[in-house]
PDB file of N, CA and C in Angstrom:
ATOM      1  N   MET A   1     -12.673   6.741  23.504  1.00  0.00           N
ATOM      2  CA  MET A   1     -12.297   5.431  23.654  1.00  0.00           C
ATOM      3  C   MET A   1     -11.029   5.128  22.942  1.00  0.00           C
ATOM      4  N   ALA A   2      -9.894   5.215  23.972  1.00  0.00           N
ATOM      5  CA  ALA A   2      -8.681   4.860  23.536  1.00  0.00           C
ATOM      6  C   ALA A   2      -8.419   3.751  22.324  1.00  0.00           C
ATOM      7  N   PRO A   3      -7.169   3.588  21.395  1.00  0.00           N
ATOM      8  CA  PRO A   3      -7.062   2.367  20.643  1.00  0.00           C
ATOM      9  C   PRO A   3      -6.859   1.243  21.050  1.00  0.00           C
ATOM     10  N   GLY A   4      -7.928   0.464  20.643  1.00  0.00           N
ATOM     11  CA  GLY A   4      -7.809  -0.824  21.265  1.00  0.00           C
ATOM     12  C   GLY A   4      -6.456  -1.715  21.257  1.00  0.00           C
ATOM     13  N   ALA A   5      -6.038  -2.709  21.894  1.00  0.00           N
ATOM     14  CA  ALA A   5      -5.082  -3.466  22.136  1.00  0.00           C
ATOM     15  C   ALA A   5      -5.910  -5.228  21.320  1.00  0.00           C
ATOM     16  N   GLY A   6      -5.114  -6.309  20.372  1.00  0.00           N
ATOM     17  CA  GLY A   6      -5.207  -7.138  20.446  1.00  0.00           C
ATOM     18  C   GLY A   6      -5.975  -7.248  18.994  1.00  0.00           C
ATOM     19  N   THR A   7      -7.066  -7.662  18.529  1.00  0.00           N
ATOM     20  CA  THR A   7      -7.567  -8.186  17.408  1.00  0.00           C
ATOM     21  C   THR A   7      -9.073  -7.992  17.516  1.00  0.00           C
ATOM     22  N   PRO A   8      -9.611  -7.059  16.634  1.00  0.00           N
ATOM     23  CA  PRO A   8     -11.134  -7.121  16.969  1.00  0.00           C
ATOM     24  C   PRO A   8     -12.056  -8.045  16.437  1.00  0.00           C
ATOM     25  N   THR A   9     -13.158  -8.432  17.408  1.00  0.00           N
ATOM     26  CA  THR A   9     -13.983  -9.263  17.164  1.00  0.00           C
ATOM     27  C   THR A   9     -15.338  -8.919  17.447  1.00  0.00           C
ATOM     28  N   GLY A  10     -16.288  -9.278  17.090  1.00  0.00           N
ATOM     29  CA  GLY A  10     -17.471  -8.871  17.236  1.00  0.00           C
ATOM     30  C   GLY A  10     -18.463  -8.855  15.930  1.00  0.00           C
ATOM     31  N   THR A  11     -19.000  -8.185  15.260  1.00  0.00           N
ATOM     32  CA  THR A  11     -20.042  -8.435  13.801  1.00  0.00           C
ATOM     33  C   THR A  11     -20.017  -7.383  13.028  1.00  0.00           C
ATOM     34  N   VAL A  12     -19.592  -7.290  11.641  1.00  0.00           N
ATOM     35  CA  VAL A  12     -20.076  -6.066  10.839  1.00  0.00           C
ATOM     36  C   VAL A  12     -21.401  -6.823  10.177  1.00  0.00           C
ATOM     37  N   VAL A  13     -22.171  -5.791   9.859  1.00  0.00           N
ATOM     38  CA  VAL A  13     -23.371  -6.055   9.152  1.00  0.00           C
ATOM     39  C   VAL A  13     -23.185  -5.126   7.750  1.00  0.00           C
ATOM     40  N   PHE A  14     -23.432  -5.695   6.942  1.00  0.00           N
ATOM     41  CA  PHE A  14     -23.159  -5.517   5.421  1.00  0.00           C
ATOM     42  C   PHE A  14     -24.949  -4.865   4.713  1.00  0.00           C
ATOM     43  N   ASP A  15     -24.883  -3.856   4.355  1.00  0.00           N
ATOM     44  CA  ASP A  15     -25.825  -3.024   3.422  1.00  0.00           C
ATOM     45  C   ASP A  15     -25.140  -2.844   2.102  1.00  0.00           C
ATOM     46  N   PHE A  16     -25.960  -3.873   1.090  1.00  0.00           N
ATOM     47  CA  PHE A  16     -25.584  -3.996  -0.026  1.00  0.00           C
ATOM     48  C   PHE A  16     -26.013  -2.547  -1.494  1.00  0.00           C
ATOM     49  N   GLY A  17     -27.004  -2.341  -0.573  1.00  0.00           N
ATOM     50  CA  GLY A  17     -27.921  -1.241  -1.555  1.00  0.00           C
ATOM     51  C   GLY A  17     -28.685  -1.429  -2.313  1.00  0.00           C
ATOM     52  N   ASP A  18     -29.068  -2.622  -2.576  1.00  0.00           N
ATOM     53  CA  ASP A  18     -29.642  -2.910  -3.600  1.00  0.00           C
ATOM     54  C   ASP A  18     -31.579  -3.180  -3.176  1.00  0.00           C
ATOM     55  N   GLY A  19     -31.945  -2.784  -1.956  1.00  0.00           N
ATOM     56  CA  GLY A  19     -32.925  -3.135  -1.322  1.00  0.00           C
ATOM     57  C   GLY A  19     -33.293  -5.105  -0.870  1.00  0.00           C
ATOM     58  N   SER A  20     -32.139  -5.773  -0.945  1.00  0.00           N
ATOM     59  CA  SER A  20     -32.050  -6.766  -0.172  1.00  0.00           C
ATOM     60  C   SER A  20     -32.336  -7.183   1.006  1.00  0.00           C
ATOM     61  N   GLY A  21     -31.665  -6.229   1.897  1.00  0.00           N
ATOM     62  CA  GLY A  21     -31.793  -6.430   3.111  1.00  0.00           C
ATOM     63  C   GLY A  21     -30.629  -6.557   3.647  1.00  0.00           C
ATOM     64  N   THR A  22     -30.293  -6.861   5.064  1.00  0.00           N
ATOM     65  CA  THR A  22     -28.314  -6.931   4.916  1.00  0.00           C
ATOM     66  C   THR A  22     -28.121  -7.893   5.569  1.00  0.00           C
ATOM     67  N   THR A  23     -26.555  -8.092   5.766  1.00  0.00           N
ATOM     68  CA  THR A  23     -25.689  -9.538   6.304  1.00  0.00           C
ATOM     69  C   THR A  23     -24.642  -9.142   7.015  1.00  0.00           C
ATOM     70  N   SER A  24     -25.076 -10.258   7.894  1.00  0.00           N
ATOM     71  CA  SER A  24     -24.006 -10.275   9.258  1.00  0.00           C
ATOM     72  C   SER A  24     -22.986 -10.970   8.631  1.00  0.00           C
ATOM     73  N   ALA A  25     -21.669 -10.690   9.510  1.00  0.00           N
ATOM     74  CA  ALA A  25     -20.050 -11.693   8.733  1.00  0.00           C
ATOM     75  C   ALA A  25     -19.773 -11.289  10.628  1.00  0.00           C
ATOM     76  N   THR A  26     -19.463 -12.273  10.795  1.00  0.00           N
ATOM     77  CA  THR A  26     -18.535 -12.271  12.083  1.00  0.00           C
ATOM     78  C   THR A  26     -17.192 -11.936  11.537  1.00  0.00           C
ATOM     79  N   VAL A  27     -16.419 -10.912  12.902  1.00  0.00           N
ATOM     80  CA  VAL A  27     -15.060 -10.789  12.840  1.00  0.00           C
ATOM     81  C   VAL A  27     -14.119 -11.973  12.945  1.00  0.00           C
ATOM     82  N   ALA A  28     -13.584 -12.582  12.502  1.00  0.00           N
ATOM     83  CA  ALA A  28     -12.146 -13.026  12.562  1.00  0.00           C
ATOM     84  C   ALA A  28     -11.180 -13.306  12.098  1.00  0.00           C
ATOM     85  N   GLY A  29     -10.292 -12.931  13.100  1.00  0.00           N
ATOM     86  CA  GLY A  29      -8.748 -12.159  12.952  1.00  0.00           C
ATOM     87  C   GLY A  29      -8.598 -11.029  12.454  1.00  0.00           C
ATOM     88  N   GLY A  30      -9.453 -10.577  13.198  1.00  0.00           N
ATOM     89  CA  GLY A  30      -9.620  -8.875  12.428  1.00  0.00           C
ATOM     90  C   GLY A  30     -10.417  -8.551  10.870  1.00  0.00           C
ATOM     91  N   VAL A  31     -11.248  -9.675  10.778  1.00  0.00           N
ATOM     92  CA  VAL A  31     -11.828  -9.386   9.149  1.00  0.00           C
ATOM     93  C   VAL A  31     -13.215  -9.985   9.224  1.00  0.00           C
ATOM     94  N   ALA A  32     -13.938  -9.274   8.326  1.00  0.00           N
ATOM     95  CA  ALA A  32     -15.477  -9.867   8.100  1.00  0.00           C
ATOM     96  C   ALA A  32     -15.814  -9.911   6.390  1.00  0.00           C
ATOM     97  N   THR A  33     -16.006 -10.810   6.517  1.00  0.00           N
ATOM     98  CA  THR A  33     -16.254 -11.285   4.708  1.00  0.00           C
ATOM     99  C   THR A  33     -18.000 -11.670   4.491  1.00  0.00           C
ATOM    100  N   ALA A  34     -18.163 -10.872   3.360  1.00  0.00           N
ATOM    101  CA  ALA A  34     -19.585 -10.964   2.672  1.00  0.00           C
ATOM    102  C   ALA A  34     -19.455 -11.256   1.600  1.00  0.00           C
ATOM    103  N   THR A  35     -20.148 -11.946   0.701  1.00  0.00           N
ATOM    104  CA  THR A  35     -20.072 -12.140  -0.245  1.00  0.00           C
ATOM    105  C   THR A  35     -22.348 -12.085  -0.693  1.00  0.00           C
ATOM    106  N   HIS A  36     -22.325 -11.325  -1.482  1.00  0.00           N
ATOM    107  CA  HIS A  36     -23.645 -10.663  -2.281  1.00  0.00           C
ATOM    108  C   HIS A  36     -23.393 -11.060  -3.936  1.00  0.00           C
ATOM    109  N   ILE A  37     -25.246 -11.006  -4.604  1.00  0.00           N
ATOM    110  CA  ILE A  37     -24.945 -11.653  -5.920  1.00  0.00           C
ATOM    111  C   ILE A  37     -25.949 -10.686  -6.396  1.00  0.00           C
ATOM    112  N   TYR A  38     -25.849  -9.583  -6.774  1.00  0.00           N
ATOM    113  CA  TYR A  38     -26.764  -8.766  -7.782  1.00  0.00           C
ATOM    114  C   TYR A  38     -27.362  -9.575  -8.661  1.00  0.00           C
ATOM    115  N   THR A  39     -29.000  -9.068  -8.495  1.00  0.00           N
ATOM    116  CA  THR A  39     -29.816  -9.954  -9.495  1.00  0.00           C
ATOM    117  C   THR A  39     -29.973  -8.916 -10.831  1.00  0.00           C
ATOM    118  N   ASP A  40     -29.699  -7.749 -10.639  1.00  0.00           N
ATOM    119  CA  ASP A  40     -30.236  -6.933 -11.823  1.00  0.00           C
ATOM    120  C   ASP A  40     -28.906  -5.428 -11.653  1.00  0.00           C
ATOM    121  N   THR A  41     -28.831  -5.083 -12.976  1.00  0.00           N
ATOM    122  CA  THR A  41     -27.756  -3.800 -13.053  1.00  0.00           C
ATOM    123  C   THR A  41     -28.381  -2.729 -12.764  1.00  0.00           C
ATOM    124  N   ALA A  42     -29.802  -2.378 -12.585  1.00  0.00           N
ATOM    125  CA  ALA A  42     -30.726  -1.520 -12.801  1.00  0.00           C
ATOM    126  C   ALA A  42     -30.550  -0.085 -12.164  1.00  0.00           C
ATOM    127  N   GLY A  43     -29.788  -0.788 -10.868  1.00  0.00           N
ATOM    128  CA  GLY A  43     -29.384   0.168  -9.469  1.00  0.00           C
ATOM    129  C   GLY A  43     -28.231   0.837  -9.502  1.00  0.00           C
ATOM    130  N   SER A  44     -27.433   0.069 -10.328  1.00  0.00           N
ATOM    131  CA  SER A  44     -25.598   0.622 -10.606  1.00  0.00           C
ATOM    132  C   SER A  44     -25.475   1.904 -10.950  1.00  0.00           C
ATOM    133  N   PRO A  45     -24.670   2.922  -9.769  1.00  0.00           N
ATOM    134  CA  PRO A  45     -23.867   2.056  -9.360  1.00  0.00           C
ATOM    135  C   PRO A  45     -24.322   2.131  -7.997  1.00  0.00           C
ATOM    136  N   TYR A  46     -23.956   0.993  -6.780  1.00  0.00           N
ATOM    137  CA  TYR A  46     -24.812   0.468  -5.887  1.00  0.00           C
ATOM    138  C   TYR A  46     -23.903   1.176  -4.942  1.00  0.00           C
ATOM    139  N   THR A  47     -24.578   1.515  -3.427  1.00  0.00           N
ATOM    140  CA  THR A  47     -23.750   2.153  -2.236  1.00  0.00           C
ATOM    141  C   THR A  47     -23.730   0.942  -1.100  1.00  0.00           C
ATOM    142  N   ILE A  48     -22.505   0.397  -0.934  1.00  0.00           N
ATOM    143  CA  ILE A  48     -22.472  -0.551   0.285  1.00  0.00           C
ATOM    144  C   ILE A  48     -22.072   0.071   1.146  1.00  0.00           C
ATOM    145  N   THR A  49     -22.350  -0.588   2.302  1.00  0.00           N
ATOM    146  CA  THR A  49     -22.314   0.228   3.872  1.00  0.00           C
ATOM    147  C   THR A  49     -22.119  -1.034   4.419  1.00  0.00           C
ATOM    148  N   ALA A  50     -20.983  -0.942   5.405  1.00  0.00           N
ATOM    149  CA  ALA A  50     -20.654  -1.737   6.488  1.00  0.00           C
ATOM    150  C   ALA A  50     -20.379  -1.014   7.549  1.00  0.00           C
ATOM    151  N   ASN A  51     -20.993  -1.700   8.525  1.00  0.00           N
ATOM    152  CA  ASN A  51     -21.419  -1.167   9.938  1.00  0.00           C
ATOM    153  C   ASN A  51     -20.633  -1.929  10.753  1.00  0.00           C
ATOM    154  N   TYR A  52     -19.674  -1.745  11.687  1.00  0.00           N
ATOM    155  CA  TYR A  52     -19.043  -2.763  12.837  1.00  0.00           C
ATOM    156  C   TYR A  52     -19.376  -2.189  13.786  1.00  0.00           C
ATOM    157  N   GLY A  53     -20.293  -2.982  15.114  1.00  0.00           N
ATOM    158  CA  GLY A  53     -20.452  -2.659  16.266  1.00  0.00           C
ATOM    159  C   GLY A  53     -19.670  -2.371  17.047  1.00  0.00           C
ATOM    160  N   GLY A  54     -18.300  -2.866  17.135  1.00  0.00           N
ATOM    161  CA  GLY A  54     -17.230  -2.950  18.170  1.00  0.00           C
ATOM    162  C   GLY A  54     -17.632  -3.415  19.149  1.00  0.00           C
ATOM    163  N   ASP A  55     -16.114  -3.975  19.762  1.00  0.00           N
ATOM    164  CA  ASP A  55     -16.181  -4.902  21.104  1.00  0.00           C
ATOM    165  C   ASP A  55     -15.544  -4.183  22.110  1.00  0.00           C
ATOM    166  N   ALA A  56     -15.406  -5.001  23.154  1.00  0.00           N
ATOM    167  CA  ALA A  56     -15.090  -3.992  24.697  1.00  0.00           C
ATOM    168  C   ALA A  56     -13.697  -3.486  24.693  1.00  0.00           C
ATOM    169  N   ASN A  57     -12.856  -3.833  23.361  1.00  0.00           N
ATOM    170  CA  ASN A  57     -11.982  -3.298  22.994  1.00  0.00           C
ATOM    171  C   ASN A  57     -11.536  -1.817  21.684  1.00  0.00           C
ATOM    172  N   PHE A  58     -12.070  -2.341  20.953  1.00  0.00           N
ATOM    173  CA  PHE A  58     -12.725  -1.506  19.792  1.00  0.00           C
ATOM    174  C   PHE A  58     -13.775  -0.391  19.811  1.00  0.00           C
ATOM    175  N   ALA A  59     -14.004   0.469  18.941  1.00  0.00           N
ATOM    176  CA  ALA A  59     -15.314   1.492  19.046  1.00  0.00           C
ATOM    177  C   ALA A  59     -16.274   0.752  17.774  1.00  0.00           C
ATOM    178  N   GLY A  60     -17.058   0.857  17.754  1.00  0.00           N
ATOM    179  CA  GLY A  60     -17.952   0.757  16.541  1.00  0.00           C
ATOM    180  C   GLY A  60     -17.430   1.975  15.237  1.00  0.00           C
ATOM    181  N   SER A  61     -17.506   1.410  14.006  1.00  0.00           N
ATOM    182  CA  SER A  61     -17.336   2.723  13.240  1.00  0.00           C
ATOM    183  C   SER A  61     -18.507   1.897  11.819  1.00  0.00           C
ATOM    184  N   SER A  62     -18.214   2.629  10.966  1.00  0.00           N
ATOM    185  CA  SER A  62     -18.680   2.551   9.355  1.00  0.00           C
ATOM    186  C   SER A  62     -18.504   3.548   8.367  1.00  0.00           C
ATOM    187  N   GLY A  63     -18.733   2.592   7.475  1.00  0.00           N
ATOM    188  CA  GLY A  63     -17.744   3.327   6.071  1.00  0.00           C
ATOM    189  C   GLY A  63     -18.980   2.883   4.724  1.00  0.00           C
ATOM    190  N   SER A  64     -18.385   3.385   3.930  1.00  0.00           N
ATOM    191  CA  SER A  64     -19.288   3.038   2.851  1.00  0.00           C
ATOM    192  C   SER A  64     -18.710   3.185   1.419  1.00  0.00           C
ATOM    193  N   ASP A  65     -18.765   2.483   0.693  1.00  0.00           N
ATOM    194  CA  ASP A  65     -18.363   2.901  -0.929  1.00  0.00           C
ATOM    195  C   ASP A  65     -19.221   2.951  -1.932  1.00  0.00           C
ATOM    196  N   THR A  66     -18.880   2.939  -3.429  1.00  0.00           N
ATOM    197  CA  THR A  66     -20.042   2.034  -4.323  1.00  0.00           C
ATOM    198  C   THR A  66     -19.217   1.493  -5.348  1.00  0.00           C
ATOM    199  N   GLN A  67     -20.017   0.604  -5.682  1.00  0.00           N
ATOM    200  CA  GLN A  67     -19.905  -0.766  -6.595  1.00  0.00           C
ATOM    201  C   GLN A  67     -20.831  -1.200  -7.664  1.00  0.00           C
ATOM    202  N   THR A  68     -19.893  -0.178  -8.766  1.00  0.00           N
ATOM    203  CA  THR A  68     -20.875  -0.563 -10.273  1.00  0.00           C
ATOM    204  C   THR A  68     -20.929  -1.707 -10.822  1.00  0.00           C
ATOM    205  N   VAL A  69     -22.038  -2.337 -10.938  1.00  0.00           N
ATOM    206  CA  VAL A  69     -22.167  -3.924 -11.509  1.00  0.00           C
ATOM    207  C   VAL A  69     -22.708  -3.853 -12.734  1.00  0.00           C
ATOM    208  N   ASN A  70     -22.082  -4.666 -13.555  1.00  0.00           N
ATOM    209  CA  ASN A  70     -22.376  -4.568 -14.786  1.00  0.00           C
ATOM    210  C   ASN A  70     -22.874  -6.134 -15.457  1.00  0.00           C
ATOM    211  N   GLN A  71     -23.444  -5.867 -16.502  1.00  0.00           N
ATOM    212  CA  GLN A  71     -24.038  -7.483 -16.855  1.00  0.00           C
ATOM    213  C   GLN A  71     -23.027  -8.562 -17.215  1.00  0.00           C
ATOM    214  N   ALA A  72     -23.771  -9.745 -16.815  1.00  0.00           N
ATOM    215  CA  ALA A  72     -22.144 -10.510 -16.667  1.00  0.00           C
ATOM    216  C   ALA A  72     -22.514 -11.367 -18.734  1.00  0.00           C
ATOM    217  N   ALA A  73     -21.408 -11.697 -19.174  1.00  0.00           N
ATOM    218  CA  ALA A  73     -21.267 -11.901 -20.441  1.00  0.00           C
ATOM    219  C   ALA A  73     -21.591 -13.241 -20.686  1.00  0.00           C
ATOM    220  N   THR A  74     -22.224 -14.174 -21.731  1.00  0.00           N
ATOM    221  CA  THR A  74     -22.687 -15.141 -21.821  1.00  0.00           C
ATOM    222  C   THR A  74     -22.139 -15.839 -22.634  1.00  0.00           C
ATOM    223  N   THR A  75     -22.185 -17.142 -22.724  1.00  0.00           N
ATOM    224  CA  THR A  75     -21.528 -17.622 -23.772  1.00  0.00           C
ATOM    225  C   THR A  75     -22.500 -19.338 -24.235  1.00  0.00           C
ATOM    226  N   ALA A  76     -22.036 -19.511 -25.396  1.00  0.00           N
ATOM    227  CA  ALA A  76     -23.377 -20.804 -25.995  1.00  0.00           C
ATOM    228  C   ALA A  76     -21.932 -21.983 -26.900  1.00  0.00           C
ATOM    229  N   THR A  77     -22.278 -22.988 -26.421  1.00  0.00           N
ATOM    230  CA  THR A  77     -21.386 -23.737 -26.554  1.00  0.00           C
ATOM    231  C   THR A  77     -22.479 -24.691 -27.896  1.00  0.00           C
ATOM    232  N   VAL A  78     -22.105 -25.331 -28.799  1.00  0.00           N
ATOM    233  CA  VAL A  78     -22.857 -26.339 -29.587  1.00  0.00           C
ATOM    234  C   VAL A  78     -22.725 -27.746 -30.081  1.00  0.00           C
TER     235      VAL A  78
END
């Protein structure tokens, strides 16, 4: 498939690597965004994978990267 013209559309499926299942995000303006909250740091670093399904003008693709998740700091006010 030749390089596409215009702006990609479609869906990106994110796997956050913690066994929680996948999250789908619609591509809008050429960008897909997903938010995820990790409930444990035990598996860190996690491998995050994004799979783009493609559309009529753009071929599908995938990529991955690792994310280190640290425990959040706590505060107490008395």
